[in-house]
Amino acid sequence: MTILKHEIRQGRNSLIIWTAVIAFMLGVCILIYPEMSKQMDGISEAFANMGEFSAAFGMDKINFGEFIGFFGVECGNVLGLGGAFFAALTGISAISKEEREHTAEFLLTHPVSRQAVVEQKLVSVIVQIVILNAAAVGVTALSTIIIGESPDVKLLALTFAAYLIMQIEIAAICFGISAFIGRGGLGLGLGLAAAFYFLNIIANLTESAEFLKYITPFGYTDSADIIADGRIEIKYLAVGLVVTVIGIGEAFWKYRRKDIS
């Protein structure tokens, strides 16, 4: 538990900043909805008929003029992309920073196994992601109350659950990579999260690229699909869960055998 507490304390500033920024942007996004809804009569239809642009962001499947549609497109991108970047940065630095900051020698001289080190670092990553998402849910609930909206709780819960699982998957992938590298991982983590996001956009543009949804975690977090179908696409989610387990497993396998430089 000592390592877990230390990791959370060490990542506290980053967690506070990312949580504050994402929560603030979510709050503002929701609070401006009443004003924007007055001008949505023709805008929703226009967005739905913008061809490939509409398909890329799922605006051809939902009513952008309704709150739940607006939330899925606008607020969903804030939490999805922002949360993915945070998860990637947190996961990619969890193990590799010990070599980058030359603290591995101090850590591994303590009476704690490498497996215990990885376990507590993994838990710290998940705890930070959960805290960020809990704050996002809280701000969303408060903001919707302020503007007097009563959105479908089930759809919102599915959307938030999908983003939480997606962030944990990205963190797990980066966590696994973190065990293999010693430095220079931050750019790799951000690049990977951005690549996943754009792969989903490409998958939405054409049916011939729909297979990419099996590759990107954003495949099962597409708010338009969740809102239109009332469920998370299980076939994409199942692949994501398998990838999550593989990423975590790689971290344990590699770190227990790794020569620390």
C-alpha atoms as a PDB file:
ATOM      1  CA  MET A   1       0.000   0.000   0.000  1.00  0.00           C
ATOM      2  CA  THR A   2       2.978   2.302   0.492  1.00  0.00           C
ATOM      3  CA  ILE A   3       3.737   2.368  -3.223  1.00  0.00           C
ATOM      4  CA  LEU A   4       0.062   2.898  -4.060  1.00  0.00           C
ATOM      5  CA  LYS A   5      -0.179   5.911  -1.753  1.00  0.00           C
ATOM      6  CA  HIS A   6       3.091   7.301  -3.090  1.00  0.00           C
ATOM      7  CA  GLU A   7       1.955   6.939  -6.724  1.00  0.00           C
ATOM      8  CA  ILE A   8      -1.342   8.696  -6.089  1.00  0.00           C
ATOM      9  CA  ARG A   9       0.402  11.453  -4.127  1.00  0.00           C
ATOM     10  CA  GLN A  10       3.007  11.840  -6.881  1.00  0.00           C
ATOM     11  CA  GLY A  11       0.355  12.067  -9.599  1.00  0.00           C
ATOM     12  CA  ARG A  12      -1.907  14.343  -7.569  1.00  0.00           C
ATOM     13  CA  ASN A  13      -1.096  17.588  -9.375  1.00  0.00           C
ATOM     14  CA  SER A  14      -1.549  16.056 -12.812  1.00  0.00           C
ATOM     15  CA  LEU A  15      -4.826  14.461 -11.725  1.00  0.00           C
ATOM     16  CA  ILE A  16      -6.148  17.725 -10.312  1.00  0.00           C
ATOM     17  CA  ILE A  17      -5.258  19.700 -13.443  1.00  0.00           C
ATOM     18  CA  TRP A  18      -6.692  17.176 -15.916  1.00  0.00           C
ATOM     19  CA  THR A  19      -9.823  16.654 -13.817  1.00  0.00           C
ATOM     20  CA  ALA A  20     -10.387  20.389 -13.393  1.00  0.00           C
ATOM     21  CA  VAL A  21      -9.943  21.113 -17.108  1.00  0.00           C
ATOM     22  CA  ILE A  22     -12.181  18.281 -18.307  1.00  0.00           C
ATOM     23  CA  ALA A  23     -14.844  18.969 -15.655  1.00  0.00           C
ATOM     24  CA  PHE A  24     -14.796  22.698 -16.465  1.00  0.00           C
ATOM     25  CA  MET A  25     -15.181  22.078 -20.198  1.00  0.00           C
ATOM     26  CA  LEU A  26     -18.006  19.596 -19.577  1.00  0.00           C
ATOM     27  CA  GLY A  27     -19.772  22.070 -17.304  1.00  0.00           C
ATOM     28  CA  VAL A  28     -19.479  24.939 -19.778  1.00  0.00           C
ATOM     29  CA  CYS A  29     -20.585  22.695 -22.637  1.00  0.00           C
ATOM     30  CA  ILE A  30     -23.747  21.700 -20.757  1.00  0.00           C
ATOM     31  CA  LEU A  31     -24.504  25.183 -19.405  1.00  0.00           C
ATOM     32  CA  ILE A  32     -24.506  26.767 -22.873  1.00  0.00           C
ATOM     33  CA  TYR A  33     -26.961  24.181 -24.208  1.00  0.00           C
ATOM     34  CA  PRO A  34     -30.150  26.167 -23.340  1.00  0.00           C
ATOM     35  CA  GLU A  35     -28.900  29.137 -25.329  1.00  0.00           C
ATOM     36  CA  MET A  36     -27.825  26.976 -28.256  1.00  0.00           C
ATOM     37  CA  SER A  37     -31.069  24.969 -28.233  1.00  0.00           C
ATOM     38  CA  LYS A  38     -32.963  28.127 -29.213  1.00  0.00           C
ATOM     39  CA  GLN A  39     -31.039  28.178 -32.469  1.00  0.00           C
ATOM     40  CA  MET A  40     -31.156  24.446 -33.169  1.00  0.00           C
ATOM     41  CA  ASP A  41     -34.313  24.263 -35.286  1.00  0.00           C
ATOM     42  CA  GLY A  42     -32.485  24.082 -38.593  1.00  0.00           C
ATOM     43  CA  ILE A  43     -28.969  23.358 -37.397  1.00  0.00           C
ATOM     44  CA  SER A  44     -29.673  19.744 -36.393  1.00  0.00           C
ATOM     45  CA  GLU A  45     -30.998  18.852 -39.831  1.00  0.00           C
ATOM     46  CA  ALA A  46     -28.141  20.689 -41.516  1.00  0.00           C
ATOM     47  CA  PHE A  47     -25.547  18.769 -39.491  1.00  0.00           C
ATOM     48  CA  ALA A  48     -27.283  15.470 -40.242  1.00  0.00           C
ATOM     49  CA  ASN A  49     -27.062  16.145 -43.983  1.00  0.00           C
ATOM     50  CA  MET A  50     -23.372  17.060 -44.193  1.00  0.00           C
ATOM     51  CA  GLY A  51     -22.413  13.718 -45.688  1.00  0.00           C
ATOM     52  CA  GLU A  52     -19.114  12.240 -44.570  1.00  0.00           C
ATOM     53  CA  PHE A  53     -18.613  14.911 -41.914  1.00  0.00           C
ATOM     54  CA  SER A  54     -21.881  13.928 -40.249  1.00  0.00           C
ATOM     55  CA  ALA A  55     -20.992  10.221 -40.434  1.00  0.00           C
ATOM     56  CA  ALA A  56     -17.537  10.801 -38.958  1.00  0.00           C
ATOM     57  CA  PHE A  57     -19.006  12.213 -35.751  1.00  0.00           C
ATOM     58  CA  GLY A  58     -22.240  10.230 -35.736  1.00  0.00           C
ATOM     59  CA  MET A  59     -24.453  13.272 -36.256  1.00  0.00           C
ATOM     60  CA  ASP A  60     -26.455  11.428 -38.897  1.00  0.00           C
ATOM     61  CA  LYS A  61     -27.779   9.003 -36.240  1.00  0.00           C
ATOM     62  CA  ILE A  62     -28.916  11.334 -33.465  1.00  0.00           C
ATOM     63  CA  ASN A  63     -30.819  14.574 -33.047  1.00  0.00           C
ATOM     64  CA  PHE A  64     -28.220  17.227 -32.299  1.00  0.00           C
ATOM     65  CA  GLY A  65     -30.990  19.558 -31.170  1.00  0.00           C
ATOM     66  CA  GLU A  66     -31.970  17.338 -28.228  1.00  0.00           C
ATOM     67  CA  PHE A  67     -29.896  17.454 -25.055  1.00  0.00           C
ATOM     68  CA  ILE A  68     -28.818  13.810 -25.149  1.00  0.00           C
ATOM     69  CA  GLY A  69     -27.692  14.181 -28.774  1.00  0.00           C
ATOM     70  CA  PHE A  70     -25.880  17.423 -28.012  1.00  0.00           C
ATOM     71  CA  PHE A  71     -24.218  15.806 -24.998  1.00  0.00           C
ATOM     72  CA  GLY A  72     -23.140  12.770 -26.998  1.00  0.00           C
ATOM     73  CA  VAL A  73     -21.462  14.796 -29.736  1.00  0.00           C
ATOM     74  CA  GLU A  74     -20.055  17.809 -27.893  1.00  0.00           C
ATOM     75  CA  CYS A  75     -19.488  16.688 -24.295  1.00  0.00           C
ATOM     76  CA  GLY A  76     -18.690  13.131 -25.339  1.00  0.00           C
ATOM     77  CA  ASN A  77     -15.694  14.312 -27.330  1.00  0.00           C
ATOM     78  CA  VAL A  78     -14.436  16.343 -24.362  1.00  0.00           C
ATOM     79  CA  LEU A  79     -14.509  13.399 -21.969  1.00  0.00           C
ATOM     80  CA  GLY A  80     -13.533  10.832 -24.591  1.00  0.00           C
ATOM     81  CA  LEU A  81     -10.471  12.546 -26.005  1.00  0.00           C
ATOM     82  CA  GLY A  82      -9.414  14.310 -22.802  1.00  0.00           C
ATOM     83  CA  GLY A  83      -9.859  11.155 -20.735  1.00  0.00           C
ATOM     84  CA  ALA A  84      -7.973   9.084 -23.311  1.00  0.00           C
ATOM     85  CA  PHE A  85      -4.986  11.463 -23.197  1.00  0.00           C
ATOM     86  CA  PHE A  86      -4.950  11.404 -19.396  1.00  0.00           C
ATOM     87  CA  ALA A  87      -5.193   7.605 -19.299  1.00  0.00           C
ATOM     88  CA  ALA A  88      -2.398   7.256 -21.856  1.00  0.00           C
ATOM     89  CA  LEU A  89      -0.059   9.622 -19.995  1.00  0.00           C
ATOM     90  CA  THR A  90      -0.768   7.998 -16.646  1.00  0.00           C
ATOM     91  CA  GLY A  91      -0.338   4.462 -17.975  1.00  0.00           C
ATOM     92  CA  ILE A  92       2.771   5.075 -20.085  1.00  0.00           C
ATOM     93  CA  SER A  93       4.681   6.723 -17.234  1.00  0.00           C
ATOM     94  CA  ALA A  94       3.651   4.372 -14.418  1.00  0.00           C
ATOM     95  CA  ILE A  95       6.610   1.991 -14.744  1.00  0.00           C
ATOM     96  CA  SER A  96       8.993   3.689 -17.159  1.00  0.00           C
ATOM     97  CA  LYS A  97       9.418   6.761 -14.952  1.00  0.00           C
ATOM     98  CA  GLU A  98      11.411   4.708 -12.429  1.00  0.00           C
ATOM     99  CA  GLU A  99      14.210   4.361 -14.985  1.00  0.00           C
ATOM    100  CA  ARG A 100      13.727   7.804 -16.501  1.00  0.00           C
ATOM    101  CA  GLU A 101      13.979   9.509 -13.113  1.00  0.00           C
ATOM    102  CA  HIS A 102      16.627   7.073 -11.795  1.00  0.00           C
ATOM    103  CA  THR A 103      14.501   5.992  -8.836  1.00  0.00           C
ATOM    104  CA  ALA A 104      14.364   2.280  -9.720  1.00  0.00           C
ATOM    105  CA  GLU A 105      17.487   1.514  -7.688  1.00  0.00           C
ATOM    106  CA  PHE A 106      15.931   3.024  -4.564  1.00  0.00           C
ATOM    107  CA  LEU A 107      12.554   1.336  -5.118  1.00  0.00           C
ATOM    108  CA  LEU A 108      13.867  -2.160  -5.772  1.00  0.00           C
ATOM    109  CA  THR A 109      16.174  -2.200  -2.747  1.00  0.00           C
ATOM    110  CA  HIS A 110      13.100  -2.289  -0.516  1.00  0.00           C
ATOM    111  CA  PRO A 111      11.611  -5.601   0.662  1.00  0.00           C
ATOM    112  CA  VAL A 112       8.885  -5.648  -1.977  1.00  0.00           C
ATOM    113  CA  SER A 113       8.575  -7.955  -4.969  1.00  0.00           C
ATOM    114  CA  ARG A 114       8.452  -6.669  -8.520  1.00  0.00           C
ATOM    115  CA  GLN A 115       4.990  -8.149  -8.860  1.00  0.00           C
ATOM    116  CA  ALA A 116       3.808  -6.099  -5.886  1.00  0.00           C
ATOM    117  CA  VAL A 117       5.318  -2.995  -7.475  1.00  0.00           C
ATOM    118  CA  VAL A 118       3.403  -3.567 -10.712  1.00  0.00           C
ATOM    119  CA  GLU A 119       0.185  -4.405  -8.838  1.00  0.00           C
ATOM    120  CA  GLN A 120       0.211  -1.207  -6.801  1.00  0.00           C
ATOM    121  CA  LYS A 121       1.187   0.950  -9.755  1.00  0.00           C
ATOM    122  CA  LEU A 122      -1.665  -0.552 -11.786  1.00  0.00           C
ATOM    123  CA  VAL A 123      -4.171   0.091  -9.014  1.00  0.00           C
ATOM    124  CA  SER A 124      -2.966   3.699  -8.734  1.00  0.00           C
ATOM    125  CA  VAL A 125      -3.556   4.228 -12.472  1.00  0.00           C
ATOM    126  CA  ILE A 126      -7.091   2.809 -12.266  1.00  0.00           C
ATOM    127  CA  VAL A 127      -7.893   4.822  -9.128  1.00  0.00           C
ATOM    128  CA  GLN A 128      -6.855   8.073 -10.819  1.00  0.00           C
ATOM    129  CA  ILE A 129      -8.969   7.295 -13.886  1.00  0.00           C
ATOM    130  CA  VAL A 130     -11.971   6.488 -11.701  1.00  0.00           C
ATOM    131  CA  ILE A 131     -11.558   9.763  -9.788  1.00  0.00           C
ATOM    132  CA  LEU A 132     -11.471  11.761 -13.026  1.00  0.00           C
ATOM    133  CA  ASN A 133     -14.620  10.066 -14.313  1.00  0.00           C
ATOM    134  CA  ALA A 134     -16.416  10.423 -10.977  1.00  0.00           C
ATOM    135  CA  ALA A 135     -15.762  14.157 -11.127  1.00  0.00           C
ATOM    136  CA  ALA A 136     -17.066  14.247 -14.710  1.00  0.00           C
ATOM    137  CA  VAL A 137     -20.260  12.467 -13.663  1.00  0.00           C
ATOM    138  CA  GLY A 138     -20.716  14.829 -10.720  1.00  0.00           C
ATOM    139  CA  VAL A 139     -20.267  17.963 -12.824  1.00  0.00           C
ATOM    140  CA  THR A 140     -22.609  16.594 -15.487  1.00  0.00           C
ATOM    141  CA  ALA A 141     -25.303  15.828 -12.894  1.00  0.00           C
ATOM    142  CA  LEU A 142     -24.986  19.267 -11.293  1.00  0.00           C
ATOM    143  CA  SER A 143     -24.963  21.106 -14.619  1.00  0.00           C
ATOM    144  CA  THR A 144     -28.047  19.306 -15.939  1.00  0.00           C
ATOM    145  CA  ILE A 145     -29.900  20.175 -12.731  1.00  0.00           C
ATOM    146  CA  ILE A 146     -28.919  23.840 -13.107  1.00  0.00           C
ATOM    147  CA  ILE A 147     -30.239  24.078 -16.680  1.00  0.00           C
ATOM    148  CA  GLY A 148     -33.353  22.076 -15.792  1.00  0.00           C
ATOM    149  CA  GLU A 149     -32.801  19.141 -18.139  1.00  0.00           C
ATOM    150  CA  SER A 150     -33.867  15.557 -17.363  1.00  0.00           C
ATOM    151  CA  PRO A 151     -31.861  13.352 -19.760  1.00  0.00           C
ATOM    152  CA  ASP A 152     -32.250   9.588 -20.070  1.00  0.00           C
ATOM    153  CA  VAL A 153     -30.232   8.299 -17.109  1.00  0.00           C
ATOM    154  CA  LYS A 154     -29.682   4.899 -18.718  1.00  0.00           C
ATOM    155  CA  LEU A 155     -28.139   6.401 -21.852  1.00  0.00           C
ATOM    156  CA  LEU A 156     -25.918   8.712 -19.811  1.00  0.00           C
ATOM    157  CA  ALA A 157     -24.820   5.807 -17.598  1.00  0.00           C
ATOM    158  CA  LEU A 158     -23.966   3.674 -20.647  1.00  0.00           C
ATOM    159  CA  THR A 159     -22.019   6.554 -22.169  1.00  0.00           C
ATOM    160  CA  PHE A 160     -19.991   7.192 -19.012  1.00  0.00           C
ATOM    161  CA  ALA A 161     -19.404   3.456 -18.504  1.00  0.00           C
ATOM    162  CA  ALA A 162     -18.107   3.123 -22.068  1.00  0.00           C
ATOM    163  CA  TYR A 163     -15.687   6.024 -21.606  1.00  0.00           C
ATOM    164  CA  LEU A 164     -14.435   4.623 -18.307  1.00  0.00           C
ATOM    165  CA  ILE A 165     -13.758   1.200 -19.846  1.00  0.00           C
ATOM    166  CA  MET A 166     -12.110   2.825 -22.872  1.00  0.00           C
ATOM    167  CA  GLN A 167      -9.775   4.862 -20.680  1.00  0.00           C
ATOM    168  CA  ILE A 168      -8.834   1.789 -18.648  1.00  0.00           C
ATOM    169  CA  GLU A 169      -8.108  -0.096 -21.889  1.00  0.00           C
ATOM    170  CA  ILE A 170      -5.857   2.671 -23.215  1.00  0.00           C
ATOM    171  CA  ALA A 171      -4.140   2.893 -19.822  1.00  0.00           C
ATOM    172  CA  ALA A 172      -3.622  -0.892 -19.832  1.00  0.00           C
ATOM    173  CA  ILE A 173      -2.080  -0.829 -23.310  1.00  0.00           C
ATOM    174  CA  CYS A 174       0.243   2.006 -22.320  1.00  0.00           C
ATOM    175  CA  PHE A 175       0.954   0.319 -18.977  1.00  0.00           C
ATOM    176  CA  GLY A 176       2.139  -2.760 -20.844  1.00  0.00           C
ATOM    177  CA  ILE A 177       4.320  -0.634 -23.126  1.00  0.00           C
ATOM    178  CA  SER A 178       5.682   1.182 -20.068  1.00  0.00           C
ATOM    179  CA  ALA A 179       7.325  -2.020 -18.830  1.00  0.00           C
ATOM    180  CA  PHE A 180       9.336  -2.280 -22.059  1.00  0.00           C
ATOM    181  CA  ILE A 181      10.680   1.272 -22.267  1.00  0.00           C
ATOM    182  CA  GLY A 182      12.862   3.393 -20.050  1.00  0.00           C
ATOM    183  CA  ARG A 183      12.233   6.904 -21.331  1.00  0.00           C
ATOM    184  CA  GLY A 184      10.532   8.920 -24.064  1.00  0.00           C
ATOM    185  CA  GLY A 185       7.145   7.337 -23.539  1.00  0.00           C
ATOM    186  CA  LEU A 186       4.945  10.415 -23.084  1.00  0.00           C
ATOM    187  CA  GLY A 187       4.834  11.257 -26.775  1.00  0.00           C
ATOM    188  CA  LEU A 188       4.192   7.615 -27.600  1.00  0.00           C
ATOM    189  CA  GLY A 189       1.246   7.501 -25.207  1.00  0.00           C
ATOM    190  CA  LEU A 190      -0.350  10.683 -26.558  1.00  0.00           C
ATOM    191  CA  GLY A 191       0.250   9.581 -30.143  1.00  0.00           C
ATOM    192  CA  LEU A 192      -1.362   6.216 -29.494  1.00  0.00           C
ATOM    193  CA  ALA A 193      -4.471   7.802 -27.944  1.00  0.00           C
ATOM    194  CA  ALA A 194      -4.789  10.245 -30.861  1.00  0.00           C
ATOM    195  CA  ALA A 195      -4.325   7.432 -33.385  1.00  0.00           C
ATOM    196  CA  PHE A 196      -7.139   5.430 -31.763  1.00  0.00           C
ATOM    197  CA  TYR A 197      -9.432   8.472 -31.961  1.00  0.00           C
ATOM    198  CA  PHE A 198      -8.795   9.074 -35.660  1.00  0.00           C
ATOM    199  CA  LEU A 199      -9.098   5.371 -36.492  1.00  0.00           C
ATOM    200  CA  ASN A 200     -12.654   5.527 -35.188  1.00  0.00           C
ATOM    201  CA  ILE A 201     -13.398   8.558 -37.359  1.00  0.00           C
ATOM    202  CA  ILE A 202     -12.087   6.684 -40.400  1.00  0.00           C
ATOM    203  CA  ALA A 203     -14.207   3.654 -39.458  1.00  0.00           C
ATOM    204  CA  ASN A 204     -17.296   5.880 -39.378  1.00  0.00           C
ATOM    205  CA  LEU A 205     -16.626   7.293 -42.830  1.00  0.00           C
ATOM    206  CA  THR A 206     -16.948   4.085 -44.836  1.00  0.00           C
ATOM    207  CA  GLU A 207     -18.203   0.559 -44.303  1.00  0.00           C
ATOM    208  CA  SER A 208     -15.019  -0.850 -45.837  1.00  0.00           C
ATOM    209  CA  ALA A 209     -13.065   0.528 -42.866  1.00  0.00           C
ATOM    210  CA  GLU A 210     -15.554  -0.581 -40.215  1.00  0.00           C
ATOM    211  CA  PHE A 211     -13.157  -3.358 -39.134  1.00  0.00           C
ATOM    212  CA  LEU A 212     -11.048  -0.621 -37.509  1.00  0.00           C
ATOM    213  CA  LYS A 213     -13.611  -0.463 -34.708  1.00  0.00           C
ATOM    214  CA  TYR A 214     -12.208  -3.778 -33.513  1.00  0.00           C
ATOM    215  CA  ILE A 215      -8.807  -2.096 -33.177  1.00  0.00           C
ATOM    216  CA  THR A 216      -9.679   1.204 -31.538  1.00  0.00           C
ATOM    217  CA  PRO A 217     -11.199   1.495 -28.048  1.00  0.00           C
ATOM    218  CA  PHE A 218     -13.252   4.400 -29.384  1.00  0.00           C
ATOM    219  CA  GLY A 219     -15.200   1.823 -31.406  1.00  0.00           C
ATOM    220  CA  TYR A 220     -17.466   1.004 -28.488  1.00  0.00           C
ATOM    221  CA  THR A 221     -17.591   4.525 -27.026  1.00  0.00           C
ATOM    222  CA  ASP A 222     -19.236   6.121 -30.051  1.00  0.00           C
ATOM    223  CA  SER A 223     -21.960   8.156 -28.330  1.00  0.00           C
ATOM    224  CA  ALA A 224     -24.104   8.251 -31.461  1.00  0.00           C
ATOM    225  CA  ASP A 225     -24.283   4.451 -31.582  1.00  0.00           C
ATOM    226  CA  ILE A 226     -24.930   4.153 -27.836  1.00  0.00           C
ATOM    227  CA  ILE A 227     -27.722   6.738 -27.926  1.00  0.00           C
ATOM    228  CA  ALA A 228     -29.288   5.386 -31.130  1.00  0.00           C
ATOM    229  CA  ASP A 229     -29.147   1.695 -30.101  1.00  0.00           C
ATOM    230  CA  GLY A 230     -29.495   2.092 -26.337  1.00  0.00           C
ATOM    231  CA  ARG A 231     -26.544  -0.226 -25.682  1.00  0.00           C
ATOM    232  CA  ILE A 232     -22.781  -0.630 -25.943  1.00  0.00           C
ATOM    233  CA  GLU A 233     -21.687  -2.716 -28.924  1.00  0.00           C
ATOM    234  CA  ILE A 234     -20.639  -5.972 -27.246  1.00  0.00           C
ATOM    235  CA  LYS A 235     -18.459  -7.318 -30.069  1.00  0.00           C
ATOM    236  CA  TYR A 236     -16.177  -4.285 -29.918  1.00  0.00           C
ATOM    237  CA  LEU A 237     -16.264  -4.191 -26.119  1.00  0.00           C
ATOM    238  CA  ALA A 238     -15.253  -7.863 -25.872  1.00  0.00           C
ATOM    239  CA  VAL A 239     -12.160  -7.249 -27.987  1.00  0.00           C
ATOM    240  CA  GLY A 240     -11.321  -4.240 -25.825  1.00  0.00           C
ATOM    241  CA  LEU A 241     -11.526  -6.283 -22.624  1.00  0.00           C
ATOM    242  CA  VAL A 242      -9.216  -8.939 -24.096  1.00  0.00           C
ATOM    243  CA  VAL A 243      -6.711  -6.265 -25.125  1.00  0.00           C
ATOM    244  CA  THR A 244      -6.891  -4.787 -21.609  1.00  0.00           C
ATOM    245  CA  VAL A 245      -6.006  -8.132 -20.047  1.00  0.00           C
ATOM    246  CA  ILE A 246      -3.156  -8.647 -22.530  1.00  0.00           C
ATOM    247  CA  GLY A 247      -1.709  -5.207 -21.818  1.00  0.00           C
ATOM    248  CA  ILE A 248      -1.754  -5.783 -18.062  1.00  0.00           C
ATOM    249  CA  GLY A 249      -0.360  -9.278 -18.470  1.00  0.00           C
ATOM    250  CA  GLU A 250       2.549  -7.975 -20.583  1.00  0.00           C
ATOM    251  CA  ALA A 251       3.438  -5.485 -17.864  1.00  0.00           C
ATOM    252  CA  PHE A 252       3.660  -8.208 -15.199  1.00  0.00           C
ATOM    253  CA  TRP A 253       5.537 -10.611 -17.498  1.00  0.00           C
ATOM    254  CA  LYS A 254       8.115  -8.086 -18.699  1.00  0.00           C
ATOM    255  CA  TYR A 255       8.814  -6.212 -15.461  1.00  0.00           C
ATOM    256  CA  ARG A 256       9.520  -9.380 -13.482  1.00  0.00           C
ATOM    257  CA  ARG A 257      12.212 -10.306 -16.037  1.00  0.00           C
ATOM    258  CA  LYS A 258      13.511  -6.883 -16.958  1.00  0.00           C
ATOM    259  CA  ASP A 259      17.095  -5.744 -16.424  1.00  0.00           C
ATOM    260  CA  ILE A 260      16.742  -2.311 -14.863  1.00  0.00           C
ATOM    261  CA  SER A 261      19.223   0.147 -16.369  1.00  0.00           C
END
